[in-house]
């Protein structure tokens, strides 16, 4: 019997003896290399090792790049890959702070340990999101994965992150960067824009809302005074100070409450953002969100890149690169995600 076949049989035996529980198992990941600042990076006081993590000066520094992401067991593999890609392509990786948001029902301690094991030098903290805040407002959508309360955490960043954090780059977990995130973080929001993101004005904007919305004489006037275009909420630069001042979380919740009374859209957390912000955001070059690589919300078929340069690849849609790679049915572009995959496979041999 070959060694490979023996390993497979042992793995099957382990699964039979230890049935898979309802909660996803936290996966094991390799430790990433440490990345250092270039000589011209601003110096930020990292704080003492015995300081409370979130109290260290870098967590409130305006010279740091603040990145917010959600964190859960189902998408932890994508999150780890995304973090690695951000650090690898940054000219000042030691000046990046990660603000992770985890559901209150998740094992935050295990998630924190997983990130720390792969990135022992990383400046990060994990905030607990009480999903009951939003669960009562969530309506079912066209894909169950979109109904996860953690998908709505991006609407609550201004409340979850400390007030000293004034600007943040929000990133989904199913993407990788191939450019310096500091360029994206430095996006000029002008005098009054709350957020910036790539806009796609050639998309059929009306399709994001139901006929009940467009046929209502009051609701249909929502976009009357703006040039509303679709934007993807998986990559956003957000001015949290302006968000707080404008009480934008409450505005989003108002539309979600409306959806409970009249079904005005089919997708999950995206339409409320469009209702509040479409036509009012600061446009960002499309290179910063080559989205849709996960295909549509039903079949997740392979897709090509949009024309033009690429700074960020985003597997939005049903198909995720790690799932397709594991199934042995990867799309061609999944090979661009694979080098950032730090998953420690059960059959990996120590070098």
Protein backbone atom coordinates (compact mmCIF):
# COMPACT_ATOMS: atom_id res chain seq x y z
CA UNK A 1 0.00 0.00 0.00
CA UNK A 2 1.44 3.40 -1.02
CA UNK A 3 2.09 6.10 1.59
CA UNK A 4 -0.35 8.45 -0.18
CA UNK A 5 -3.17 5.87 -0.07
CA UNK A 6 -2.43 5.13 3.58
CA UNK A 7 -2.74 8.83 4.46
CA UNK A 8 -6.10 9.03 2.69
CA UNK A 9 -7.43 5.96 4.56
CA UNK A 10 -6.24 7.35 7.88
CA UNK A 11 -7.96 10.67 7.14
CA UNK A 12 -11.23 8.91 6.31
CA UNK A 13 -10.97 6.91 9.53
CA UNK A 14 -10.42 10.11 11.50
CA UNK A 15 -13.54 11.65 9.97
CA UNK A 16 -15.63 8.58 10.82
CA UNK A 17 -14.41 8.57 14.42
CA UNK A 18 -14.74 12.36 14.75
CA UNK A 19 -17.86 13.45 12.86
CA UNK A 20 -17.89 17.00 11.59
CA UNK A 21 -19.71 19.33 13.96
CA UNK A 22 -22.15 22.03 12.95
CA UNK A 23 -19.53 24.72 13.59
CA UNK A 24 -16.71 24.93 11.04
CA UNK A 25 -13.32 23.83 12.35
CA UNK A 26 -10.69 26.56 12.51
CA UNK A 27 -8.08 25.63 9.91
CA UNK A 28 -4.33 25.63 10.49
CA UNK A 29 -2.15 28.02 8.54
CA UNK A 30 1.54 28.48 7.95
CA UNK A 31 3.38 31.45 9.38
CA UNK A 32 3.89 34.21 6.84
CA UNK A 33 7.26 35.90 6.43
CA UNK A 34 7.73 39.19 8.21
CA UNK A 35 7.63 42.32 6.07
CA UNK A 36 9.48 45.52 6.91
CA UNK A 37 9.03 49.20 6.17
CA UNK A 38 11.06 50.88 3.48
CA UNK A 39 13.43 53.65 4.55
CA UNK A 40 11.08 56.52 3.70
CA UNK A 41 8.07 55.27 5.71
CA UNK A 42 6.79 57.52 8.52
CA UNK A 43 7.81 56.34 11.98
CA UNK A 44 4.88 55.41 14.21
CA UNK A 45 5.35 54.57 17.88
CA UNK A 46 4.38 50.87 18.13
CA UNK A 47 3.90 51.03 21.92
CA UNK A 48 5.28 48.70 24.56
CA UNK A 49 4.89 44.95 24.31
CA UNK A 50 2.97 44.82 27.58
CA UNK A 51 0.50 47.52 26.51
CA UNK A 52 -3.10 46.57 25.86
CA UNK A 53 -3.16 45.90 22.12
CA UNK A 54 -5.92 48.35 21.19
CA UNK A 55 -4.33 51.04 23.40
CA UNK A 56 -1.08 51.16 21.43
CA UNK A 57 -0.47 54.49 19.64
CA UNK A 58 -0.52 52.95 16.16
CA UNK A 59 -4.20 52.00 16.57
CA UNK A 60 -5.15 55.69 16.60
CA UNK A 61 -2.43 57.04 14.34
CA UNK A 62 -3.52 59.08 11.34
CA UNK A 63 -0.28 58.09 9.61
CA UNK A 64 -1.20 54.41 9.77
CA UNK A 65 -3.29 52.69 7.12
CA UNK A 66 -6.37 51.30 8.84
CA UNK A 67 -7.95 48.23 7.24
CA UNK A 68 -11.27 46.70 8.36
CA UNK A 69 -12.34 43.15 7.53
CA UNK A 70 -14.81 40.65 8.91
CA UNK A 71 -13.48 37.43 10.36
CA UNK A 72 -15.22 34.07 10.65
CA UNK A 73 -14.37 30.38 10.45
CA UNK A 74 -16.05 29.90 7.05
CA UNK A 75 -13.94 32.59 5.32
CA UNK A 76 -10.80 32.56 7.47
CA UNK A 77 -8.77 31.04 4.64
CA UNK A 78 -9.66 33.92 2.36
CA UNK A 79 -9.01 36.48 5.10
CA UNK A 80 -5.51 35.13 5.77
CA UNK A 81 -4.69 35.24 2.05
CA UNK A 82 -5.99 38.79 1.80
CA UNK A 83 -3.88 39.96 4.74
CA UNK A 84 -0.76 38.36 3.24
CA UNK A 85 -1.39 40.08 -0.09
CA UNK A 86 -1.82 43.47 1.60
CA UNK A 87 1.43 43.13 3.54
CA UNK A 88 3.45 41.70 0.67
CA UNK A 89 2.68 44.58 -1.68
CA UNK A 90 2.89 47.39 0.86
CA UNK A 91 5.87 49.74 1.00
CA UNK A 92 5.12 50.38 4.70
CA UNK A 93 3.66 47.09 6.01
CA UNK A 94 4.56 47.86 9.63
CA UNK A 95 2.30 50.92 9.44
CA UNK A 96 -0.83 48.92 8.63
CA UNK A 97 -3.42 48.23 11.32
CA UNK A 98 -6.09 45.58 10.84
CA UNK A 99 -9.47 45.95 12.53
CA UNK A 100 -11.22 42.58 12.36
CA UNK A 101 -14.92 42.20 13.16
CA UNK A 102 -16.21 38.84 14.39
CA UNK A 103 -19.71 37.72 15.28
CA UNK A 104 -20.51 37.45 18.98
CA UNK A 105 -21.42 33.79 18.37
CA UNK A 106 -18.00 33.02 16.89
CA UNK A 107 -15.00 31.75 18.82
CA UNK A 108 -13.18 35.08 18.76
CA UNK A 109 -10.30 33.67 20.78
CA UNK A 110 -9.60 30.96 18.18
CA UNK A 111 -9.91 33.43 15.33
CA UNK A 112 -7.51 35.79 17.08
CA UNK A 113 -5.04 32.95 17.70
CA UNK A 114 -5.23 31.85 14.07
CA UNK A 115 -4.36 35.33 12.78
CA UNK A 116 -1.64 35.79 15.37
CA UNK A 117 -0.03 32.44 14.53
CA UNK A 118 0.27 33.33 10.84
CA UNK A 119 1.17 36.99 11.45
CA UNK A 120 2.84 37.20 14.90
CA UNK A 121 4.09 40.74 14.17
CA UNK A 122 0.75 42.10 12.89
CA UNK A 123 -0.92 45.10 14.51
CA UNK A 124 -4.52 43.99 14.80
CA UNK A 125 -7.48 43.70 17.10
CA UNK A 126 -10.76 41.80 16.94
CA UNK A 127 -14.05 43.54 17.69
CA UNK A 128 -17.12 41.54 18.65
CA UNK A 129 -20.22 42.37 16.61
CA UNK A 130 -23.50 41.73 18.37
CA UNK A 131 -25.48 40.43 15.42
CA UNK A 132 -28.79 40.87 17.23
CA UNK A 133 -28.34 44.54 16.36
CA UNK A 134 -29.02 43.79 12.72
CA UNK A 135 -30.61 40.32 12.63
CA UNK A 136 -34.09 41.70 13.19
CA UNK A 137 -33.69 43.88 10.08
CA UNK A 138 -32.33 41.26 7.66
CA UNK A 139 -34.64 40.05 4.89
CA UNK A 140 -33.99 36.88 2.89
CA UNK A 141 -32.13 37.36 -0.39
CA UNK A 142 -31.40 35.37 -3.54
CA UNK A 143 -28.48 33.50 -1.91
CA UNK A 144 -28.43 32.35 1.72
CA UNK A 145 -24.78 33.29 2.17
CA UNK A 146 -25.76 36.92 1.63
CA UNK A 147 -28.09 36.76 4.64
CA UNK A 148 -25.29 36.21 7.16
CA UNK A 149 -25.49 39.02 9.74
CA UNK A 150 -21.71 39.49 9.58
CA UNK A 151 -22.15 40.73 5.99
CA UNK A 152 -23.83 43.78 7.49
CA UNK A 153 -20.96 44.60 9.88
CA UNK A 154 -19.58 47.09 7.34
CA UNK A 155 -22.60 49.28 8.14
CA UNK A 156 -21.54 49.42 11.80
CA UNK A 157 -17.81 50.12 11.53
CA UNK A 158 -18.25 53.67 12.81
CA UNK A 159 -19.74 52.24 16.01
CA UNK A 160 -17.39 49.27 16.39
CA UNK A 161 -14.06 50.99 15.78
CA UNK A 162 -12.75 53.53 18.30
CA UNK A 163 -13.60 57.19 17.61
CA UNK A 164 -9.92 57.98 17.03
CA UNK A 165 -10.02 55.93 13.80
CA UNK A 166 -11.19 58.48 11.27
CA UNK A 167 -10.59 56.72 7.96
CA UNK A 168 -10.61 53.04 7.10
CA UNK A 169 -10.27 50.85 4.02
CA UNK A 170 -12.91 48.14 4.13
CA UNK A 171 -12.04 44.88 2.35
CA UNK A 172 -14.01 41.69 1.78
CA UNK A 173 -12.33 38.37 2.59
CA UNK A 174 -12.43 36.97 -0.96
CA UNK A 175 -9.85 39.22 -2.58
CA UNK A 176 -6.13 39.86 -2.92
CA UNK A 177 -4.18 43.04 -3.55
CA UNK A 178 -1.31 43.24 -6.01
CA UNK A 179 -0.56 46.89 -5.34
CA UNK A 180 0.24 49.14 -2.37
CA UNK A 181 -2.87 49.65 -0.24
CA UNK A 182 -1.54 53.05 0.85
CA UNK A 183 -2.44 54.35 -2.62
CA UNK A 184 -6.06 53.32 -2.12
CA UNK A 185 -6.16 54.60 1.46
CA UNK A 186 -4.95 58.03 0.30
CA UNK A 187 -7.97 58.52 -1.99
CA UNK A 188 -9.11 62.14 -1.88
CA UNK A 189 -12.67 62.19 -0.56
CA UNK A 190 -13.10 65.88 -1.31
CA UNK A 191 -14.98 68.23 0.96
CA UNK A 192 -18.02 66.12 1.77
CA UNK A 193 -17.88 62.57 0.39
CA UNK A 194 -18.29 59.87 3.03
CA UNK A 195 -16.92 56.98 1.02
CA UNK A 196 -15.02 56.15 -2.14
CA UNK A 197 -15.26 53.06 -4.34
CA UNK A 198 -15.04 52.10 -8.01
CA UNK A 199 -18.31 52.93 -9.78
CA UNK A 200 -19.79 50.91 -12.65
CA UNK A 201 -22.21 53.20 -14.46
CA UNK A 202 -22.62 50.78 -17.37
CA UNK A 203 -24.33 48.25 -15.08
CA UNK A 204 -28.11 48.03 -15.18
CA UNK A 205 -28.79 49.97 -11.99
CA UNK A 206 -32.55 49.45 -12.08
CA UNK A 207 -32.06 45.67 -11.76
CA UNK A 208 -30.87 46.06 -8.16
CA UNK A 209 -34.37 47.02 -7.07
CA UNK A 210 -37.77 45.44 -7.55
CA UNK A 211 -40.72 46.65 -9.58
CA UNK A 212 -42.41 47.49 -6.25
CA UNK A 213 -39.66 50.05 -5.67
CA UNK A 214 -39.70 51.63 -9.12
CA UNK A 215 -43.51 51.69 -9.35
CA UNK A 216 -43.86 53.49 -6.02
CA UNK A 217 -44.12 57.24 -6.79
CA UNK A 218 -42.29 58.20 -3.60
CA UNK A 219 -39.56 55.54 -3.50
CA UNK A 220 -38.73 55.94 -7.18
CA UNK A 221 -37.73 59.55 -6.52
CA UNK A 222 -34.89 58.43 -4.22
CA UNK A 223 -32.31 58.85 -6.99
CA UNK A 224 -34.00 61.77 -8.76
CA UNK A 225 -31.29 64.30 -7.94
CA UNK A 226 -28.26 62.06 -8.31
CA UNK A 227 -26.45 60.21 -11.05
CA UNK A 228 -26.73 56.85 -9.34
CA UNK A 229 -24.35 54.09 -10.39
CA UNK A 230 -23.68 50.62 -9.04
CA UNK A 231 -20.66 50.16 -6.80
CA UNK A 232 -19.39 47.05 -5.04
CA UNK A 233 -19.26 47.34 -1.25
CA UNK A 234 -16.43 44.82 -0.92
CA UNK A 235 -13.81 47.55 -1.40
CA UNK A 236 -14.47 50.96 0.12
CA UNK A 237 -12.56 53.87 1.60
CA UNK A 238 -14.73 55.29 4.39
CA UNK A 239 -14.43 58.54 6.30
CA UNK A 240 -15.70 57.33 9.67
CA UNK A 241 -15.82 60.84 11.14
CA UNK A 242 -18.22 62.01 8.42
CA UNK A 243 -20.16 58.76 8.73
CA UNK A 244 -20.67 59.35 12.44
CA UNK A 245 -21.62 62.99 11.94
CA UNK A 246 -24.18 62.07 9.29
CA UNK A 247 -25.62 59.11 11.27
CA UNK A 248 -25.37 56.92 8.18
CA UNK A 249 -25.86 53.66 10.05
CA UNK A 250 -29.36 54.83 11.01
CA UNK A 251 -30.06 55.78 7.37
CA UNK A 252 -29.12 52.29 6.20
CA UNK A 253 -31.25 50.72 8.93
CA UNK A 254 -34.23 52.80 7.81
CA UNK A 255 -34.04 51.26 4.33
CA UNK A 256 -33.68 47.78 5.81
CA UNK A 257 -36.80 48.40 7.88
CA UNK A 258 -38.57 49.54 4.71
CA UNK A 259 -37.55 46.27 3.04
CA UNK A 260 -39.32 44.42 5.85
CA UNK A 261 -42.57 46.17 4.92
CA UNK A 262 -42.21 46.27 1.12
CA UNK A 263 -39.80 44.02 -0.78
CA UNK A 264 -37.81 46.65 -2.67
CA UNK A 265 -34.64 44.63 -3.44
CA UNK A 266 -33.39 41.03 -3.76
CA UNK A 267 -29.73 41.15 -2.70
CA UNK A 268 -28.45 41.34 0.88
CA UNK A 269 -26.38 44.21 2.30
CA UNK A 270 -25.60 45.95 -1.01
CA UNK A 271 -28.92 47.68 -1.88
CA UNK A 272 -29.17 49.71 1.36
CA UNK A 273 -25.71 51.11 0.59
CA UNK A 274 -26.83 51.99 -2.92
CA UNK A 275 -29.97 53.66 -1.61
CA UNK A 276 -27.96 55.86 0.73
CA UNK A 277 -24.78 56.48 -1.25
CA UNK A 278 -25.21 55.77 -4.98
CA UNK A 279 -24.40 58.92 -6.94
CA UNK A 280 -22.78 60.55 -3.90
CA UNK A 281 -19.51 58.62 -3.59
CA UNK A 282 -16.04 59.56 -4.76
CA UNK A 283 -15.21 57.35 -7.77
CA UNK A 284 -12.06 55.22 -7.59
CA UNK A 285 -10.19 53.75 -10.55
CA UNK A 286 -11.60 50.36 -11.55
CA UNK A 287 -8.18 48.77 -11.07
CA UNK A 288 -8.96 48.73 -7.33
CA UNK A 289 -11.82 46.26 -7.65
CA UNK A 290 -11.63 43.73 -10.44
CA UNK A 291 -14.76 42.13 -9.04
CA UNK A 292 -17.04 39.32 -10.12
CA UNK A 293 -14.30 36.67 -10.38
CA UNK A 294 -16.50 34.32 -8.36
CA UNK A 295 -19.13 34.34 -11.09
CA UNK A 296 -22.80 35.12 -10.50
CA UNK A 297 -24.84 34.40 -7.37
CA UNK A 298 -26.27 31.15 -8.72
CA UNK A 299 -23.65 29.07 -10.57
CA UNK A 300 -20.36 30.79 -9.86
CA UNK A 301 -19.00 30.26 -13.37
CA UNK A 302 -15.51 31.32 -14.41
CA UNK A 303 -15.04 34.90 -15.56
CA UNK A 304 -12.27 36.90 -17.16
CA UNK A 305 -10.73 40.12 -15.91
CA UNK A 306 -12.25 43.41 -16.96
CA UNK A 307 -10.10 45.36 -19.45
CA UNK A 308 -7.43 47.58 -17.93
CA UNK A 309 -4.77 47.48 -15.19
CA UNK A 310 -5.25 45.51 -11.99
CA UNK A 311 -4.46 46.46 -8.39
CA UNK A 312 -7.01 44.23 -6.64
CA UNK A 313 -8.69 40.97 -7.65
CA UNK A 314 -12.05 40.22 -6.06
CA UNK A 315 -13.81 36.85 -6.17
CA UNK A 316 -17.26 38.29 -5.46
CA UNK A 317 -20.04 35.92 -6.47
CA UNK A 318 -20.78 32.34 -5.53
CA UNK A 319 -17.48 30.71 -6.55
CA UNK A 320 -14.56 31.10 -4.16
CA UNK A 321 -11.02 30.25 -5.29
CA UNK A 322 -10.18 28.03 -2.31
CA UNK A 323 -13.34 25.96 -2.76
CA UNK A 324 -12.76 25.51 -6.50
CA UNK A 325 -9.10 24.62 -5.97
CA UNK A 326 -10.00 22.04 -3.32
CA UNK A 327 -12.64 20.54 -5.60
CA UNK A 328 -10.10 20.20 -8.41
CA UNK A 329 -12.15 22.47 -10.66
CA UNK A 330 -10.35 25.82 -10.51
CA UNK A 331 -10.97 28.69 -12.86
CA UNK A 332 -7.89 30.04 -14.67
CA UNK A 333 -7.74 33.19 -12.51
CA UNK A 334 -7.82 31.15 -9.29
CA UNK A 335 -4.13 30.48 -9.94
CA UNK A 336 -3.51 34.15 -9.09
CA UNK A 337 -5.01 33.63 -5.61
CA UNK A 338 -3.21 30.36 -4.87
CA UNK A 339 0.27 31.86 -4.05
CA UNK A 340 -1.28 33.72 -1.10
CA UNK A 341 -2.93 30.61 0.36
CA UNK A 342 -1.25 29.81 3.69
CA UNK A 343 -3.40 26.78 4.50
CA UNK A 344 -1.42 24.03 6.19
CA UNK A 345 -2.69 20.89 4.47
CA UNK A 346 -2.98 17.65 6.49
CA UNK A 347 -0.54 15.87 4.18
CA UNK A 348 2.12 18.60 4.11
CA UNK A 349 5.52 17.26 5.12
CA UNK A 350 7.85 19.33 7.26
CA UNK A 351 10.82 20.57 5.29
